């Protein structure tokens, strides 16, 4: 629930597009890969994911980090992975709302 509250606060503050309208997302796959290589927050999340690859919460967290940095495609991929690992996650479902 904490991640959802952070996401909603940041989305409201930055007017980040909602996942409910994916056509509004800019194409940023290559940019995302370049940013992720040097971003300290994403490097930490990548390390956490490598230690806990079967935990939905870590994919939710990294997805949120990507989303808040404007890296929408990898964020969606992580949210989808979190849902695959925990289909009953209310946090990820709320992010998609």
C-alpha atoms as a PDB file:
ATOM      1  CA  UNK A   1       0.000   0.000   0.000  1.00  0.00           C
ATOM      2  CA  UNK A   2       2.910   2.343   0.695  1.00  0.00           C
ATOM      3  CA  UNK A   3       4.107   2.107  -2.915  1.00  0.00           C
ATOM      4  CA  UNK A   4       0.649   2.961  -4.208  1.00  0.00           C
ATOM      5  CA  UNK A   5       0.459   6.047  -1.994  1.00  0.00           C
ATOM      6  CA  UNK A   6       3.894   7.196  -3.177  1.00  0.00           C
ATOM      7  CA  UNK A   7       2.915   6.533  -6.785  1.00  0.00           C
ATOM      8  CA  UNK A   8      -0.347   8.477  -6.474  1.00  0.00           C
ATOM      9  CA  UNK A   9       1.339  11.416  -4.753  1.00  0.00           C
ATOM     10  CA  UNK A  10       4.060  11.614  -7.403  1.00  0.00           C
ATOM     11  CA  UNK A  11       1.602  11.130 -10.259  1.00  0.00           C
ATOM     12  CA  UNK A  12      -0.517  14.000  -8.962  1.00  0.00           C
ATOM     13  CA  UNK A  13       2.498  16.215  -8.338  1.00  0.00           C
ATOM     14  CA  UNK A  14       4.168  15.567 -11.690  1.00  0.00           C
ATOM     15  CA  UNK A  15       1.036  14.854 -13.703  1.00  0.00           C
ATOM     16  CA  UNK A  16       2.495  11.528 -14.775  1.00  0.00           C
ATOM     17  CA  UNK A  17       0.300   9.706 -17.303  1.00  0.00           C
ATOM     18  CA  UNK A  18      -1.878   6.904 -16.018  1.00  0.00           C
ATOM     19  CA  UNK A  19      -1.388   3.295 -17.064  1.00  0.00           C
ATOM     20  CA  UNK A  20      -5.080   3.303 -17.956  1.00  0.00           C
ATOM     21  CA  UNK A  21      -4.133   5.196 -21.145  1.00  0.00           C
ATOM     22  CA  UNK A  22      -1.001   3.505 -22.556  1.00  0.00           C
ATOM     23  CA  UNK A  23      -1.268   5.403 -25.855  1.00  0.00           C
ATOM     24  CA  UNK A  24      -0.256   8.550 -23.957  1.00  0.00           C
ATOM     25  CA  UNK A  25       3.111   7.028 -23.067  1.00  0.00           C
ATOM     26  CA  UNK A  26       6.154   8.223 -24.993  1.00  0.00           C
ATOM     27  CA  UNK A  27       8.410   5.617 -26.599  1.00  0.00           C
ATOM     28  CA  UNK A  28      11.410   5.435 -24.303  1.00  0.00           C
ATOM     29  CA  UNK A  29      12.814   1.928 -24.379  1.00  0.00           C
ATOM     30  CA  UNK A  30      16.309   2.896 -25.549  1.00  0.00           C
ATOM     31  CA  UNK A  31      16.401   5.909 -23.263  1.00  0.00           C
ATOM     32  CA  UNK A  32      15.327   3.701 -20.374  1.00  0.00           C
ATOM     33  CA  UNK A  33      18.184   1.294 -20.928  1.00  0.00           C
ATOM     34  CA  UNK A  34      20.697   4.143 -21.046  1.00  0.00           C
ATOM     35  CA  UNK A  35      19.331   5.806 -17.907  1.00  0.00           C
ATOM     36  CA  UNK A  36      19.158   2.546 -15.955  1.00  0.00           C
ATOM     37  CA  UNK A  37      22.860   1.871 -16.463  1.00  0.00           C
ATOM     38  CA  UNK A  38      23.880   4.946 -14.496  1.00  0.00           C
ATOM     39  CA  UNK A  39      20.967   5.773 -12.197  1.00  0.00           C
ATOM     40  CA  UNK A  40      21.869   4.909  -8.569  1.00  0.00           C
ATOM     41  CA  UNK A  41      18.246   4.237  -7.583  1.00  0.00           C
ATOM     42  CA  UNK A  42      17.723   1.834 -10.449  1.00  0.00           C
ATOM     43  CA  UNK A  43      21.074   0.160  -9.833  1.00  0.00           C
ATOM     44  CA  UNK A  44      19.927  -0.530  -6.253  1.00  0.00           C
ATOM     45  CA  UNK A  45      16.565  -1.868  -7.430  1.00  0.00           C
ATOM     46  CA  UNK A  46      18.289  -4.072 -10.015  1.00  0.00           C
ATOM     47  CA  UNK A  47      20.488  -5.504  -7.274  1.00  0.00           C
ATOM     48  CA  UNK A  48      17.435  -6.161  -5.066  1.00  0.00           C
ATOM     49  CA  UNK A  49      15.626  -7.854  -7.963  1.00  0.00           C
ATOM     50  CA  UNK A  50      18.675 -10.051  -8.578  1.00  0.00           C
ATOM     51  CA  UNK A  51      18.575 -11.217  -4.942  1.00  0.00           C
ATOM     52  CA  UNK A  52      14.780 -11.674  -4.835  1.00  0.00           C
ATOM     53  CA  UNK A  53      13.648 -12.544  -8.375  1.00  0.00           C
ATOM     54  CA  UNK A  54      10.460 -14.271  -7.217  1.00  0.00           C
ATOM     55  CA  UNK A  55       9.101 -11.461  -5.031  1.00  0.00           C
ATOM     56  CA  UNK A  56       6.328  -9.342  -6.523  1.00  0.00           C
ATOM     57  CA  UNK A  57       7.085  -6.451  -4.168  1.00  0.00           C
ATOM     58  CA  UNK A  58      10.532  -5.842  -5.621  1.00  0.00           C
ATOM     59  CA  UNK A  59       9.127  -5.635  -9.141  1.00  0.00           C
ATOM     60  CA  UNK A  60       6.470  -3.213  -7.889  1.00  0.00           C
ATOM     61  CA  UNK A  61       9.192  -1.067  -6.319  1.00  0.00           C
ATOM     62  CA  UNK A  62      11.452  -1.065  -9.337  1.00  0.00           C
ATOM     63  CA  UNK A  63       8.462  -0.457 -11.589  1.00  0.00           C
ATOM     64  CA  UNK A  64       7.554   2.562  -9.520  1.00  0.00           C
ATOM     65  CA  UNK A  65      11.136   3.837  -9.693  1.00  0.00           C
ATOM     66  CA  UNK A  66      11.086   3.502 -13.486  1.00  0.00           C
ATOM     67  CA  UNK A  67       7.671   5.173 -13.705  1.00  0.00           C
ATOM     68  CA  UNK A  68       8.667   8.165 -11.603  1.00  0.00           C
ATOM     69  CA  UNK A  69      11.707   8.676 -13.823  1.00  0.00           C
ATOM     70  CA  UNK A  70       9.539   8.711 -16.943  1.00  0.00           C
ATOM     71  CA  UNK A  71      10.722   5.282 -18.062  1.00  0.00           C
ATOM     72  CA  UNK A  72       7.275   3.890 -18.775  1.00  0.00           C
ATOM     73  CA  UNK A  73       7.937   0.757 -20.830  1.00  0.00           C
ATOM     74  CA  UNK A  74      10.240  -0.933 -18.282  1.00  0.00           C
ATOM     75  CA  UNK A  75       7.826   0.168 -15.534  1.00  0.00           C
ATOM     76  CA  UNK A  76       4.940  -1.592 -17.267  1.00  0.00           C
ATOM     77  CA  UNK A  77       7.083  -4.699 -17.725  1.00  0.00           C
ATOM     78  CA  UNK A  78       7.902  -4.762 -14.003  1.00  0.00           C
ATOM     79  CA  UNK A  79       4.261  -4.182 -13.013  1.00  0.00           C
ATOM     80  CA  UNK A  80       3.237  -7.053 -15.304  1.00  0.00           C
ATOM     81  CA  UNK A  81       5.901  -9.276 -13.721  1.00  0.00           C
ATOM     82  CA  UNK A  82       4.618  -8.337 -10.248  1.00  0.00           C
ATOM     83  CA  UNK A  83       1.086  -9.279 -11.291  1.00  0.00           C
ATOM     84  CA  UNK A  84       2.338 -12.582 -12.736  1.00  0.00           C
ATOM     85  CA  UNK A  85       4.043 -13.368  -9.422  1.00  0.00           C
ATOM     86  CA  UNK A  86       1.122 -12.190  -7.284  1.00  0.00           C
ATOM     87  CA  UNK A  87      -2.138 -11.891  -9.262  1.00  0.00           C
ATOM     88  CA  UNK A  88      -4.023 -10.781  -6.146  1.00  0.00           C
ATOM     89  CA  UNK A  89      -1.818  -7.740  -5.507  1.00  0.00           C
ATOM     90  CA  UNK A  90      -4.067  -4.799  -4.751  1.00  0.00           C
ATOM     91  CA  UNK A  91      -1.103  -2.418  -4.988  1.00  0.00           C
ATOM     92  CA  UNK A  92      -0.308  -3.155  -8.619  1.00  0.00           C
ATOM     93  CA  UNK A  93      -3.981  -3.284  -9.560  1.00  0.00           C
ATOM     94  CA  UNK A  94      -4.423   0.194  -8.090  1.00  0.00           C
ATOM     95  CA  UNK A  95      -1.440   1.525 -10.041  1.00  0.00           C
ATOM     96  CA  UNK A  96      -3.110   0.291 -13.238  1.00  0.00           C
ATOM     97  CA  UNK A  97      -6.358   2.080 -12.318  1.00  0.00           C
END
